[in-house]
Amino acid sequence: MSLNLPIDILCMKNILITGASSGLGEEFAYILAPKAEVLVLTARSVSKLENVKLKSLALNAQLKVVIIGVDLS
């Protein structure tokens, strides 16, 4: 999945993504990971977030990923 957004013009140091364990939230994590310094990923399933964290780190080794298991509904 790719977005036609001017991502380079955004100041993307710290990014919070809710619902990051699957679907659009997960895809946004992978799209934004190469440009971000810190990704904060939230979802109910911490185990799924751990997988997203590992894949995001593979896209950017300097990335800091914080996972938070929380139900925001």
PDB file of N, CA and C in Angstrom:
ATOM      1  N   MET A   1       0.842  -1.178   0.000  1.00  0.00           N
ATOM      2  CA  MET A   1       0.000   0.000   0.000  1.00  0.00           C
ATOM      3  C   MET A   1       0.882   1.234   0.000  1.00  0.00           C
ATOM      4  N   SER A   2       0.551   2.220  -0.817  1.00  0.00           N
ATOM      5  CA  SER A   2       1.295   3.472  -0.805  1.00  0.00           C
ATOM      6  C   SER A   2       0.323   4.637  -0.845  1.00  0.00           C
ATOM      7  N   LEU A   3       0.760   5.731  -0.267  1.00  0.00           N
ATOM      8  CA  LEU A   3      -0.057   6.940  -0.245  1.00  0.00           C
ATOM      9  C   LEU A   3       0.623   8.012  -1.072  1.00  0.00           C
ATOM     10  N   ASN A   4      -0.136   8.785  -1.776  1.00  0.00           N
ATOM     11  CA  ASN A   4       0.410   9.893  -2.538  1.00  0.00           C
ATOM     12  C   ASN A   4       0.355  11.162  -1.696  1.00  0.00           C
ATOM     13  N   LEU A   5       1.057  11.134  -0.572  1.00  0.00           N
ATOM     14  CA  LEU A   5       1.100  12.281   0.326  1.00  0.00           C
ATOM     15  C   LEU A   5       2.502  12.871   0.302  1.00  0.00           C
ATOM     16  N   PRO A   6       2.618  14.170   0.501  1.00  0.00           N
ATOM     17  CA  PRO A   6       3.950  14.786   0.561  1.00  0.00           C
ATOM     18  C   PRO A   6       4.595  14.515   1.918  1.00  0.00           C
ATOM     19  N   ILE A   7       4.922  13.264   2.164  1.00  0.00           N
ATOM     20  CA  ILE A   7       5.421  12.858   3.475  1.00  0.00           C
ATOM     21  C   ILE A   7       6.726  13.569   3.821  1.00  0.00           C
ATOM     22  N   ASP A   8       7.566  13.861   2.834  1.00  0.00           N
ATOM     23  CA  ASP A   8       8.843  14.494   3.118  1.00  0.00           C
ATOM     24  C   ASP A   8       8.703  15.898   3.697  1.00  0.00           C
ATOM     25  N   ILE A   9       7.593  16.573   3.426  1.00  0.00           N
ATOM     26  CA  ILE A   9       7.452  17.934   3.946  1.00  0.00           C
ATOM     27  C   ILE A   9       6.895  17.957   5.368  1.00  0.00           C
ATOM     28  N   LEU A  10       6.461  16.832   5.851  1.00  0.00           N
ATOM     29  CA  LEU A  10       5.944  16.766   7.210  1.00  0.00           C
ATOM     30  C   LEU A  10       7.083  16.587   8.195  1.00  0.00           C
ATOM     31  N   CYS A  11       6.948  17.180   9.349  1.00  0.00           N
ATOM     32  CA  CYS A  11       7.928  16.972  10.413  1.00  0.00           C
ATOM     33  C   CYS A  11       7.478  15.747  11.188  1.00  0.00           C
ATOM     34  N   MET A  12       8.050  14.604  10.856  1.00  0.00           N
ATOM     35  CA  MET A  12       7.563  13.339  11.396  1.00  0.00           C
ATOM     36  C   MET A  12       8.555  12.753  12.389  1.00  0.00           C
ATOM     37  N   LYS A  13       8.693  13.363  13.520  1.00  0.00           N
ATOM     38  CA  LYS A  13       9.585  12.822  14.521  1.00  0.00           C
ATOM     39  C   LYS A  13       8.873  11.817  15.415  1.00  0.00           C
ATOM     40  N   ASN A  14       7.719  12.206  15.944  1.00  0.00           N
ATOM     41  CA  ASN A  14       6.960  11.355  16.854  1.00  0.00           C
ATOM     42  C   ASN A  14       5.572  11.127  16.279  1.00  0.00           C
ATOM     43  N   ILE A  15       5.214   9.873  16.087  1.00  0.00           N
ATOM     44  CA  ILE A  15       3.934   9.544  15.468  1.00  0.00           C
ATOM     45  C   ILE A  15       3.182   8.570  16.360  1.00  0.00           C
ATOM     46  N   LEU A  16       1.922   8.891  16.635  1.00  0.00           N
ATOM     47  CA  LEU A  16       1.026   8.024  17.398  1.00  0.00           C
ATOM     48  C   LEU A  16       0.028   7.400  16.432  1.00  0.00           C
ATOM     49  N   ILE A  17      -0.060   6.071  16.443  1.00  0.00           N
ATOM     50  CA  ILE A  17      -1.004   5.363  15.591  1.00  0.00           C
ATOM     51  C   ILE A  17      -1.885   4.494  16.476  1.00  0.00           C
ATOM     52  N   THR A  18      -3.186   4.742  16.425  1.00  0.00           N
ATOM     53  CA  THR A  18      -4.126   3.916  17.167  1.00  0.00           C
ATOM     54  C   THR A  18      -4.620   2.796  16.257  1.00  0.00           C
ATOM     55  N   GLY A  19      -4.955   1.670  16.841  1.00  0.00           N
ATOM     56  CA  GLY A  19      -5.406   0.527  16.044  1.00  0.00           C
ATOM     57  C   GLY A  19      -4.303  -0.020  15.174  1.00  0.00           C
ATOM     58  N   ALA A  20      -3.073   0.004  15.684  1.00  0.00           N
ATOM     59  CA  ALA A  20      -1.899  -0.339  14.882  1.00  0.00           C
ATOM     60  C   ALA A  20      -1.647  -1.834  14.744  1.00  0.00           C
ATOM     61  N   SER A  21      -2.475  -2.669  15.342  1.00  0.00           N
ATOM     62  CA  SER A  21      -2.217  -4.113  15.291  1.00  0.00           C
ATOM     63  C   SER A  21      -2.720  -4.766  14.010  1.00  0.00           C
ATOM     64  N   SER A  22      -3.553  -4.051  13.229  1.00  0.00           N
ATOM     65  CA  SER A  22      -4.073  -4.639  11.994  1.00  0.00           C
ATOM     66  C   SER A  22      -4.669  -3.542  11.111  1.00  0.00           C
ATOM     67  N   GLY A  23      -5.033  -3.909   9.906  1.00  0.00           N
ATOM     68  CA  GLY A  23      -5.735  -3.001   9.010  1.00  0.00           C
ATOM     69  C   GLY A  23      -4.961  -1.746   8.660  1.00  0.00           C
ATOM     70  N   LEU A  24      -5.684  -0.630   8.577  1.00  0.00           N
ATOM     71  CA  LEU A  24      -5.067   0.636   8.181  1.00  0.00           C
ATOM     72  C   LEU A  24      -4.005   1.110   9.166  1.00  0.00           C
ATOM     73  N   GLY A  25      -4.251   0.918  10.446  1.00  0.00           N
ATOM     74  CA  GLY A  25      -3.256   1.328  11.436  1.00  0.00           C
ATOM     75  C   GLY A  25      -1.933   0.623  11.240  1.00  0.00           C
ATOM     76  N   GLU A  26      -1.990  -0.672  10.984  1.00  0.00           N
ATOM     77  CA  GLU A  26      -0.770  -1.446  10.739  1.00  0.00           C
ATOM     78  C   GLU A  26      -0.074  -0.958   9.467  1.00  0.00           C
ATOM     79  N   GLU A  27      -0.838  -0.747   8.416  1.00  0.00           N
ATOM     80  CA  GLU A  27      -0.256  -0.278   7.153  1.00  0.00           C
ATOM     81  C   GLU A  27       0.380   1.100   7.309  1.00  0.00           C
ATOM     82  N   PHE A  28      -0.269   1.999   8.055  1.00  0.00           N
ATOM     83  CA  PHE A  28       0.311   3.317   8.307  1.00  0.00           C
ATOM     84  C   PHE A  28       1.639   3.188   9.045  1.00  0.00           C
ATOM     85  N   ALA A  29       1.730   2.266   9.971  1.00  0.00           N
ATOM     86  CA  ALA A  29       2.989   2.056  10.691  1.00  0.00           C
ATOM     87  C   ALA A  29       4.112   1.721   9.722  1.00  0.00           C
ATOM     88  N   TYR A  30       3.847   0.842   8.766  1.00  0.00           N
ATOM     89  CA  TYR A  30       4.876   0.441   7.809  1.00  0.00           C
ATOM     90  C   TYR A  30       5.207   1.555   6.826  1.00  0.00           C
ATOM     91  N   ILE A  31       4.214   2.348   6.462  1.00  0.00           N
ATOM     92  CA  ILE A  31       4.449   3.461   5.534  1.00  0.00           C
ATOM     93  C   ILE A  31       5.274   4.562   6.200  1.00  0.00           C
ATOM     94  N   LEU A  32       4.979   4.839   7.466  1.00  0.00           N
ATOM     95  CA  LEU A  32       5.619   5.948   8.157  1.00  0.00           C
ATOM     96  C   LEU A  32       6.929   5.572   8.854  1.00  0.00           C
ATOM     97  N   ALA A  33       7.143   4.311   9.125  1.00  0.00           N
ATOM     98  CA  ALA A  33       8.333   3.866   9.855  1.00  0.00           C
ATOM     99  C   ALA A  33       9.650   4.341   9.239  1.00  0.00           C
ATOM    100  N   PRO A  34       9.825   4.293   7.929  1.00  0.00           N
ATOM    101  CA  PRO A  34      11.115   4.713   7.375  1.00  0.00           C
ATOM    102  C   PRO A  34      11.454   6.188   7.621  1.00  0.00           C
ATOM    103  N   LYS A  35      10.456   7.031   7.832  1.00  0.00           N
ATOM    104  CA  LYS A  35      10.686   8.470   8.009  1.00  0.00           C
ATOM    105  C   LYS A  35      10.628   8.929   9.467  1.00  0.00           C
ATOM    106  N   ALA A  36      10.090   8.107  10.335  1.00  0.00           N
ATOM    107  CA  ALA A  36       9.847   8.522  11.723  1.00  0.00           C
ATOM    108  C   ALA A  36      11.074   8.300  12.601  1.00  0.00           C
ATOM    109  N   GLU A  37      11.092   9.020  13.715  1.00  0.00           N
ATOM    110  CA  GLU A  37      12.088   8.772  14.755  1.00  0.00           C
ATOM    111  C   GLU A  37      11.488   7.913  15.866  1.00  0.00           C
ATOM    112  N   VAL A  38      10.211   8.194  16.206  1.00  0.00           N
ATOM    113  CA  VAL A  38       9.517   7.452  17.255  1.00  0.00           C
ATOM    114  C   VAL A  38       8.122   7.106  16.761  1.00  0.00           C
ATOM    115  N   LEU A  39       7.762   5.835  16.868  1.00  0.00           N
ATOM    116  CA  LEU A  39       6.401   5.392  16.599  1.00  0.00           C
ATOM    117  C   LEU A  39       5.799   4.932  17.923  1.00  0.00           C
ATOM    118  N   VAL A  40       4.640   5.450  18.255  1.00  0.00           N
ATOM    119  CA  VAL A  40       3.891   4.981  19.413  1.00  0.00           C
ATOM    120  C   VAL A  40       2.692   4.234  18.851  1.00  0.00           C
ATOM    121  N   LEU A  41       2.651   2.945  19.085  1.00  0.00           N
ATOM    122  CA  LEU A  41       1.616   2.078  18.530  1.00  0.00           C
ATOM    123  C   LEU A  41       0.679   1.640  19.637  1.00  0.00           C
ATOM    124  N   THR A  42      -0.630   1.831  19.424  1.00  0.00           N
ATOM    125  CA  THR A  42      -1.604   1.400  20.409  1.00  0.00           C
ATOM    126  C   THR A  42      -2.616   0.454  19.770  1.00  0.00           C
ATOM    127  N   ALA A  43      -3.071  -0.488  20.564  1.00  0.00           N
ATOM    128  CA  ALA A  43      -4.120  -1.438  20.175  1.00  0.00           C
ATOM    129  C   ALA A  43      -4.418  -2.294  21.397  1.00  0.00           C
ATOM    130  N   ARG A  44      -5.452  -3.104  21.290  1.00  0.00           N
ATOM    131  CA  ARG A  44      -5.800  -3.998  22.401  1.00  0.00           C
ATOM    132  C   ARG A  44      -4.833  -5.169  22.509  1.00  0.00           C
ATOM    133  N   SER A  45      -4.350  -5.672  21.390  1.00  0.00           N
ATOM    134  CA  SER A  45      -3.518  -6.874  21.383  1.00  0.00           C
ATOM    135  C   SER A  45      -2.030  -6.526  21.390  1.00  0.00           C
ATOM    136  N   VAL A  46      -1.400  -6.688  22.541  1.00  0.00           N
ATOM    137  CA  VAL A  46       0.027  -6.401  22.663  1.00  0.00           C
ATOM    138  C   VAL A  46       0.849  -7.379  21.825  1.00  0.00           C
ATOM    139  N   SER A  47       0.429  -8.629  21.752  1.00  0.00           N
ATOM    140  CA  SER A  47       1.192  -9.611  20.969  1.00  0.00           C
ATOM    141  C   SER A  47       1.208  -9.242  19.487  1.00  0.00           C
ATOM    142  N   LYS A  48       0.101  -8.740  18.956  1.00  0.00           N
ATOM    143  CA  LYS A  48       0.080  -8.293  17.560  1.00  0.00           C
ATOM    144  C   LYS A  48       0.925  -7.040  17.372  1.00  0.00           C
ATOM    145  N   LEU A  49       0.907  -6.161  18.372  1.00  0.00           N
ATOM    146  CA  LEU A  49       1.738  -4.964  18.301  1.00  0.00           C
ATOM    147  C   LEU A  49       3.220  -5.315  18.288  1.00  0.00           C
ATOM    148  N   GLU A  50       3.602  -6.364  19.003  1.00  0.00           N
ATOM    149  CA  GLU A  50       5.000  -6.804  18.994  1.00  0.00           C
ATOM    150  C   GLU A  50       5.436  -7.188  17.577  1.00  0.00           C
ATOM    151  N   ASN A  51       4.557  -7.847  16.831  1.00  0.00           N
ATOM    152  CA  ASN A  51       4.876  -8.211  15.447  1.00  0.00           C
ATOM    153  C   ASN A  51       5.020  -6.973  14.567  1.00  0.00           C
ATOM    154  N   VAL A  52       4.128  -5.998  14.747  1.00  0.00           N
ATOM    155  CA  VAL A  52       4.201  -4.757  13.984  1.00  0.00           C
ATOM    156  C   VAL A  52       5.493  -4.016  14.330  1.00  0.00           C
ATOM    157  N   LYS A  53       5.859  -4.038  15.604  1.00  0.00           N
ATOM    158  CA  LYS A  53       7.099  -3.403  16.040  1.00  0.00           C
ATOM    159  C   LYS A  53       8.307  -4.019  15.333  1.00  0.00           C
ATOM    160  N   LEU A  54       8.370  -5.334  15.292  1.00  0.00           N
ATOM    161  CA  LEU A  54       9.506  -6.008  14.644  1.00  0.00           C
ATOM    162  C   LEU A  54       9.590  -5.673  13.156  1.00  0.00           C
ATOM    163  N   LYS A  55       8.458  -5.667  12.480  1.00  0.00           N
ATOM    164  CA  LYS A  55       8.449  -5.347  11.049  1.00  0.00           C
ATOM    165  C   LYS A  55       8.808  -3.877  10.811  1.00  0.00           C
ATOM    166  N   SER A  56       8.375  -3.004  11.704  1.00  0.00           N
ATOM    167  CA  SER A  56       8.707  -1.581  11.576  1.00  0.00           C
ATOM    168  C   SER A  56      10.196  -1.350  11.788  1.00  0.00           C
ATOM    169  N   LEU A  57      10.775  -2.051  12.754  1.00  0.00           N
ATOM    170  CA  LEU A  57      12.209  -1.925  13.001  1.00  0.00           C
ATOM    171  C   LEU A  57      13.034  -2.449  11.829  1.00  0.00           C
ATOM    172  N   ALA A  58      12.503  -3.418  11.108  1.00  0.00           N
ATOM    173  CA  ALA A  58      13.193  -3.917   9.920  1.00  0.00           C
ATOM    174  C   ALA A  58      13.238  -2.851   8.824  1.00  0.00           C
ATOM    175  N   LEU A  59      12.290  -1.924   8.850  1.00  0.00           N
ATOM    176  CA  LEU A  59      12.254  -0.846   7.865  1.00  0.00           C
ATOM    177  C   LEU A  59      13.109   0.352   8.261  1.00  0.00           C
ATOM    178  N   ASN A  60      13.420   0.462   9.555  1.00  0.00           N
ATOM    179  CA  ASN A  60      14.209   1.584  10.056  1.00  0.00           C
ATOM    180  C   ASN A  60      14.880   1.150  11.357  1.00  0.00           C
ATOM    181  N   ALA A  61      16.139   0.792  11.263  1.00  0.00           N
ATOM    182  CA  ALA A  61      16.858   0.249  12.420  1.00  0.00           C
ATOM    183  C   ALA A  61      17.034   1.276  13.543  1.00  0.00           C
ATOM    184  N   GLN A  62      17.016   2.571  13.224  1.00  0.00           N
ATOM    185  CA  GLN A  62      17.184   3.618  14.237  1.00  0.00           C
ATOM    186  C   GLN A  62      15.864   4.011  14.898  1.00  0.00           C
ATOM    187  N   LEU A  63      14.783   3.446  14.449  1.00  0.00           N
ATOM    188  CA  LEU A  63      13.461   3.784  14.948  1.00  0.00           C
ATOM    189  C   LEU A  63      13.284   3.336  16.398  1.00  0.00           C
ATOM    190  N   LYS A  64      12.648   4.191  17.198  1.00  0.00           N
ATOM    191  CA  LYS A  64      12.239   3.797  18.543  1.00  0.00           C
ATOM    192  C   LYS A  64      10.750   3.512  18.470  1.00  0.00           C
ATOM    193  N   VAL A  65      10.336   2.337  18.918  1.00  0.00           N
ATOM    194  CA  VAL A  65       8.934   1.945  18.868  1.00  0.00           C
ATOM    195  C   VAL A  65       8.438   1.700  20.295  1.00  0.00           C
ATOM    196  N   VAL A  66       7.361   2.381  20.638  1.00  0.00           N
ATOM    197  CA  VAL A  66       6.720   2.204  21.937  1.00  0.00           C
ATOM    198  C   VAL A  66       5.369   1.562  21.673  1.00  0.00           C
ATOM    199  N   ILE A  67       5.083   0.473  22.370  1.00  0.00           N
ATOM    200  CA  ILE A  67       3.778  -0.169  22.212  1.00  0.00           C
ATOM    201  C   ILE A  67       2.982  -0.030  23.505  1.00  0.00           C
ATOM    202  N   ILE A  68       1.701   0.253  23.327  1.00  0.00           N
ATOM    203  CA  ILE A  68       0.811   0.446  24.460  1.00  0.00           C
ATOM    204  C   ILE A  68      -0.450  -0.365  24.219  1.00  0.00           C
ATOM    205  N   GLY A  69      -0.689  -1.331  25.072  1.00  0.00           N
ATOM    206  CA  GLY A  69      -1.905  -2.115  24.994  1.00  0.00           C
ATOM    207  C   GLY A  69      -3.043  -1.378  25.685  1.00  0.00           C
ATOM    208  N   VAL A  70      -4.016  -0.928  24.897  1.00  0.00           N
ATOM    209  CA  VAL A  70      -5.114  -0.130  25.456  1.00  0.00           C
ATOM    210  C   VAL A  70      -6.343  -0.290  24.562  1.00  0.00           C
ATOM    211  N   ASP A  71      -7.502  -0.251  25.183  1.00  0.00           N
ATOM    212  CA  ASP A  71      -8.771  -0.288  24.452  1.00  0.00           C
ATOM    213  C   ASP A  71      -9.320   1.129  24.443  1.00  0.00           C
ATOM    214  N   LEU A  72      -9.310   1.775  23.282  1.00  0.00           N
ATOM    215  CA  LEU A  72      -9.776   3.148  23.164  1.00  0.00           C
ATOM    216  C   LEU A  72     -11.239   3.270  22.754  1.00  0.00           C
ATOM    217  N   SER A  73     -11.942   2.134  22.702  1.00  0.00           N
ATOM    218  CA  SER A  73     -13.343   2.212  22.283  1.00  0.00           C
ATOM    219  C   SER A  73     -14.241   2.793  23.353  1.00  0.00           C
TER     220      SER A  73
END
